[in-house]
Amino acid sequence: MKLESVPPQRSSLSDQITALEKQVLETHSQPVVSVSDRPLQQQKQQQKQTQQSWWAIYASTFFTIFLAECGDKTQLSTLLMSAESQSPWIVFVGAAAALITTSLLGVLLGQWLAKHLSPRKLEIAAGTSLLLIAIALVGDILLS
């Protein structure tokens, strides 16, 4: 910003200040043109990707847990407790609090495991655990 100096004249100080103010206003009233809009576009694209990835993670988690919990022993227990107690809202709040707590424990344990184990080791451990549970269930059925 280059201000033209006001030549010393016999005008009053207020006239000189007014002239300087006009110059400043003219200089700053012009639109600022950015060198490139690319950083702004990249930032908007990253925000959009973050929102999309947030939505994708949320949706996949919701539907996976929803489908896994439909018809399982937790839902059946909640159904029976609600029918027996005649207080469905209290049962709902209790069941919701229990599911939130177990989900929190799962998230915290998963976060801790992800910091200490590689994804490959986690997959092997989860697969082995599920295989052992399946073998135990089949053994229980065959032995009864």
C-alpha atoms as a PDB file:
ATOM      1  CA  MET A   1       0.000   0.000   0.000  1.00  0.00           C
ATOM      2  CA  LYS A   2       1.544   3.252  -1.097  1.00  0.00           C
ATOM      3  CA  LEU A   3       0.160   6.422   0.328  1.00  0.00           C
ATOM      4  CA  GLU A   4       0.833   9.560  -1.551  1.00  0.00           C
ATOM      5  CA  SER A   5       2.065  12.191   0.746  1.00  0.00           C
ATOM      6  CA  VAL A   6      -0.036  15.246   0.970  1.00  0.00           C
ATOM      7  CA  PRO A   7       2.017  18.214  -0.058  1.00  0.00           C
ATOM      8  CA  PRO A   8       2.345  20.781   2.644  1.00  0.00           C
ATOM      9  CA  GLN A   9      -0.121  23.475   1.884  1.00  0.00           C
ATOM     10  CA  ARG A  10      -1.754  26.136   3.852  1.00  0.00           C
ATOM     11  CA  SER A  11      -4.779  23.901   4.340  1.00  0.00           C
ATOM     12  CA  SER A  12      -5.781  22.916   7.769  1.00  0.00           C
ATOM     13  CA  LEU A  13      -4.672  19.746   9.491  1.00  0.00           C
ATOM     14  CA  SER A  14      -8.188  18.314   9.286  1.00  0.00           C
ATOM     15  CA  ASP A  15      -8.158  18.727   5.477  1.00  0.00           C
ATOM     16  CA  GLN A  16      -4.895  16.802   5.303  1.00  0.00           C
ATOM     17  CA  ILE A  17      -6.275  14.019   7.523  1.00  0.00           C
ATOM     18  CA  THR A  18      -9.408  13.820   5.375  1.00  0.00           C
ATOM     19  CA  ALA A  19      -7.295  13.478   2.233  1.00  0.00           C
ATOM     20  CA  LEU A  20      -5.238  10.675   3.813  1.00  0.00           C
ATOM     21  CA  GLU A  21      -8.406   8.905   4.962  1.00  0.00           C
ATOM     22  CA  LYS A  22      -9.761   9.006   1.406  1.00  0.00           C
ATOM     23  CA  GLN A  23      -6.559   7.451   0.091  1.00  0.00           C
ATOM     24  CA  VAL A  24      -6.684   4.673   2.676  1.00  0.00           C
ATOM     25  CA  LEU A  25     -10.343   3.963   1.964  1.00  0.00           C
ATOM     26  CA  GLU A  26      -9.734   3.844  -1.779  1.00  0.00           C
ATOM     27  CA  THR A  27      -6.813   1.466  -1.307  1.00  0.00           C
ATOM     28  CA  HIS A  28      -8.681  -0.901   1.028  1.00  0.00           C
ATOM     29  CA  SER A  29     -12.023  -0.791  -0.759  1.00  0.00           C
ATOM     30  CA  GLN A  30     -10.638  -2.658  -3.765  1.00  0.00           C
ATOM     31  CA  PRO A  31     -11.394  -6.407  -3.679  1.00  0.00           C
ATOM     32  CA  VAL A  32      -8.578  -8.612  -2.533  1.00  0.00           C
ATOM     33  CA  VAL A  33      -7.692 -11.136  -5.201  1.00  0.00           C
ATOM     34  CA  SER A  34      -6.016 -14.288  -4.002  1.00  0.00           C
ATOM     35  CA  VAL A  35      -3.074 -15.635  -5.904  1.00  0.00           C
ATOM     36  CA  SER A  36      -4.734 -19.019  -6.150  1.00  0.00           C
ATOM     37  CA  ASP A  37      -7.997 -20.524  -5.002  1.00  0.00           C
ATOM     38  CA  ARG A  38      -6.417 -23.982  -5.004  1.00  0.00           C
ATOM     39  CA  PRO A  39      -5.603 -24.099  -1.236  1.00  0.00           C
ATOM     40  CA  LEU A  40      -9.173 -23.089  -0.441  1.00  0.00           C
ATOM     41  CA  GLN A  41     -10.558 -25.724  -2.812  1.00  0.00           C
ATOM     42  CA  GLN A  42      -8.267 -28.361  -1.316  1.00  0.00           C
ATOM     43  CA  GLN A  43      -9.382 -27.431   2.184  1.00  0.00           C
ATOM     44  CA  LYS A  44     -13.060 -27.666   1.189  1.00  0.00           C
ATOM     45  CA  GLN A  45     -12.423 -31.031  -0.497  1.00  0.00           C
ATOM     46  CA  GLN A  46     -10.657 -32.356   2.622  1.00  0.00           C
ATOM     47  CA  GLN A  47     -13.563 -31.199   4.802  1.00  0.00           C
ATOM     48  CA  LYS A  48     -16.008 -32.932   2.455  1.00  0.00           C
ATOM     49  CA  GLN A  49     -13.936 -36.137   2.533  1.00  0.00           C
ATOM     50  CA  THR A  50     -13.776 -35.969   6.331  1.00  0.00           C
ATOM     51  CA  GLN A  51     -17.547 -35.569   6.503  1.00  0.00           C
ATOM     52  CA  GLN A  52     -18.036 -38.445   4.069  1.00  0.00           C
ATOM     53  CA  SER A  53     -15.605 -40.680   5.937  1.00  0.00           C
ATOM     54  CA  TRP A  54     -17.301 -39.785   9.234  1.00  0.00           C
ATOM     55  CA  TRP A  55     -20.658 -40.709   7.744  1.00  0.00           C
ATOM     56  CA  ALA A  56     -19.283 -43.933   6.237  1.00  0.00           C
ATOM     57  CA  ILE A  57     -17.765 -45.023   9.555  1.00  0.00           C
ATOM     58  CA  TYR A  58     -20.925 -44.131  11.461  1.00  0.00           C
ATOM     59  CA  ALA A  59     -23.253 -45.869   8.992  1.00  0.00           C
ATOM     60  CA  SER A  60     -21.191 -49.054   8.756  1.00  0.00           C
ATOM     61  CA  THR A  61     -20.869 -49.232  12.544  1.00  0.00           C
ATOM     62  CA  PHE A  62     -24.573 -48.592  13.103  1.00  0.00           C
ATOM     63  CA  PHE A  63     -25.788 -51.159  10.586  1.00  0.00           C
ATOM     64  CA  THR A  64     -23.249 -53.796  11.624  1.00  0.00           C
ATOM     65  CA  ILE A  65     -24.156 -53.529  15.312  1.00  0.00           C
ATOM     66  CA  PHE A  66     -27.870 -53.177  14.556  1.00  0.00           C
ATOM     67  CA  LEU A  67     -27.921 -56.352  12.466  1.00  0.00           C
ATOM     68  CA  ALA A  68     -25.721 -58.232  14.949  1.00  0.00           C
ATOM     69  CA  GLU A  69     -27.971 -57.280  17.873  1.00  0.00           C
ATOM     70  CA  CYS A  70     -31.307 -58.059  16.182  1.00  0.00           C
ATOM     71  CA  GLY A  71     -32.724 -61.230  17.675  1.00  0.00           C
ATOM     72  CA  ASP A  72     -29.757 -61.970  19.912  1.00  0.00           C
ATOM     73  CA  LYS A  73     -29.937 -62.838  23.588  1.00  0.00           C
ATOM     74  CA  THR A  74     -29.645 -59.162  24.638  1.00  0.00           C
ATOM     75  CA  GLN A  75     -32.714 -58.202  22.645  1.00  0.00           C
ATOM     76  CA  LEU A  76     -34.642 -61.236  23.874  1.00  0.00           C
ATOM     77  CA  SER A  77     -33.674 -60.477  27.472  1.00  0.00           C
ATOM     78  CA  THR A  78     -34.780 -56.874  27.049  1.00  0.00           C
ATOM     79  CA  LEU A  79     -38.061 -58.041  25.540  1.00  0.00           C
ATOM     80  CA  LEU A  80     -38.745 -60.386  28.462  1.00  0.00           C
ATOM     81  CA  MET A  81     -37.758 -57.826  31.101  1.00  0.00           C
ATOM     82  CA  SER A  82     -40.031 -55.221  29.519  1.00  0.00           C
ATOM     83  CA  ALA A  83     -42.962 -57.646  29.441  1.00  0.00           C
ATOM     84  CA  GLU A  84     -42.443 -58.754  33.038  1.00  0.00           C
ATOM     85  CA  SER A  85     -41.803 -55.367  34.614  1.00  0.00           C
ATOM     86  CA  GLN A  86     -44.609 -53.430  32.922  1.00  0.00           C
ATOM     87  CA  SER A  87     -42.143 -50.490  32.792  1.00  0.00           C
ATOM     88  CA  PRO A  88     -40.839 -50.488  29.245  1.00  0.00           C
ATOM     89  CA  TRP A  89     -39.158 -47.069  29.415  1.00  0.00           C
ATOM     90  CA  ILE A  90     -37.132 -47.962  32.494  1.00  0.00           C
ATOM     91  CA  VAL A  91     -36.053 -51.203  30.829  1.00  0.00           C
ATOM     92  CA  PHE A  92     -35.164 -49.248  27.679  1.00  0.00           C
ATOM     93  CA  VAL A  93     -33.007 -46.752  29.599  1.00  0.00           C
ATOM     94  CA  GLY A  94     -31.278 -49.544  31.522  1.00  0.00           C
ATOM     95  CA  ALA A  95     -30.621 -51.603  28.396  1.00  0.00           C
ATOM     96  CA  ALA A  96     -29.421 -48.547  26.462  1.00  0.00           C
ATOM     97  CA  ALA A  97     -27.031 -47.588  29.280  1.00  0.00           C
ATOM     98  CA  ALA A  98     -25.665 -51.136  29.392  1.00  0.00           C
ATOM     99  CA  LEU A  99     -25.149 -51.244  25.611  1.00  0.00           C
ATOM    100  CA  ILE A 100     -23.462 -47.833  25.620  1.00  0.00           C
ATOM    101  CA  THR A 101     -21.156 -48.942  28.426  1.00  0.00           C
ATOM    102  CA  THR A 102     -20.171 -52.182  26.715  1.00  0.00           C
ATOM    103  CA  SER A 103     -19.661 -50.296  23.446  1.00  0.00           C
ATOM    104  CA  LEU A 104     -17.423 -47.768  25.230  1.00  0.00           C
ATOM    105  CA  LEU A 105     -15.354 -50.592  26.700  1.00  0.00           C
ATOM    106  CA  GLY A 106     -15.069 -52.180  23.252  1.00  0.00           C
ATOM    107  CA  VAL A 107     -13.964 -48.904  21.657  1.00  0.00           C
ATOM    108  CA  LEU A 108     -11.403 -48.170  24.377  1.00  0.00           C
ATOM    109  CA  LEU A 109      -9.997 -51.712  24.264  1.00  0.00           C
ATOM    110  CA  GLY A 110      -9.901 -51.607  20.449  1.00  0.00           C
ATOM    111  CA  GLN A 111      -8.073 -48.274  20.514  1.00  0.00           C
ATOM    112  CA  TRP A 112      -5.530 -49.612  22.999  1.00  0.00           C
ATOM    113  CA  LEU A 113      -5.009 -52.812  20.976  1.00  0.00           C
ATOM    114  CA  ALA A 114      -4.595 -50.826  17.741  1.00  0.00           C
ATOM    115  CA  LYS A 115      -1.740 -48.883  19.342  1.00  0.00           C
ATOM    116  CA  HIS A 116       0.043 -52.034  20.541  1.00  0.00           C
ATOM    117  CA  LEU A 117      -0.666 -54.618  17.817  1.00  0.00           C
ATOM    118  CA  SER A 118      -0.560 -54.567  14.047  1.00  0.00           C
ATOM    119  CA  PRO A 119      -3.856 -54.894  12.139  1.00  0.00           C
ATOM    120  CA  ARG A 120      -2.752 -58.319  10.870  1.00  0.00           C
ATOM    121  CA  LYS A 121      -2.206 -59.614  14.428  1.00  0.00           C
ATOM    122  CA  LEU A 122      -5.608 -58.237  15.475  1.00  0.00           C
ATOM    123  CA  GLU A 123      -7.307 -60.057  12.587  1.00  0.00           C
ATOM    124  CA  ILE A 124      -5.566 -63.324  13.477  1.00  0.00           C
ATOM    125  CA  ALA A 125      -6.477 -62.963  17.156  1.00  0.00           C
ATOM    126  CA  ALA A 126     -10.136 -62.160  16.368  1.00  0.00           C
ATOM    127  CA  GLY A 127     -10.415 -65.012  13.875  1.00  0.00           C
ATOM    128  CA  THR A 128      -8.820 -67.474  16.289  1.00  0.00           C
ATOM    129  CA  SER A 129     -11.130 -66.378  19.115  1.00  0.00           C
ATOM    130  CA  LEU A 130     -14.244 -66.783  16.957  1.00  0.00           C
ATOM    131  CA  LEU A 131     -13.032 -70.176  15.725  1.00  0.00           C
ATOM    132  CA  LEU A 132     -12.483 -71.371  19.315  1.00  0.00           C
ATOM    133  CA  ILE A 133     -15.955 -70.176  20.315  1.00  0.00           C
ATOM    134  CA  ALA A 134     -17.492 -72.020  17.346  1.00  0.00           C
ATOM    135  CA  ILE A 135     -15.599 -75.225  18.238  1.00  0.00           C
ATOM    136  CA  ALA A 136     -16.738 -74.931  21.866  1.00  0.00           C
ATOM    137  CA  LEU A 137     -20.383 -74.462  20.797  1.00  0.00           C
ATOM    138  CA  VAL A 138     -20.265 -77.427  18.411  1.00  0.00           C
ATOM    139  CA  GLY A 139     -18.618 -79.540  21.127  1.00  0.00           C
ATOM    140  CA  ASP A 140     -21.304 -78.537  23.601  1.00  0.00           C
ATOM    141  CA  ILE A 141     -24.044 -79.531  21.124  1.00  0.00           C
ATOM    142  CA  LEU A 142     -22.428 -82.894  20.335  1.00  0.00           C
ATOM    143  CA  LEU A 143     -21.822 -83.748  24.002  1.00  0.00           C
ATOM    144  CA  SER A 144     -25.356 -82.962  25.155  1.00  0.00           C
END
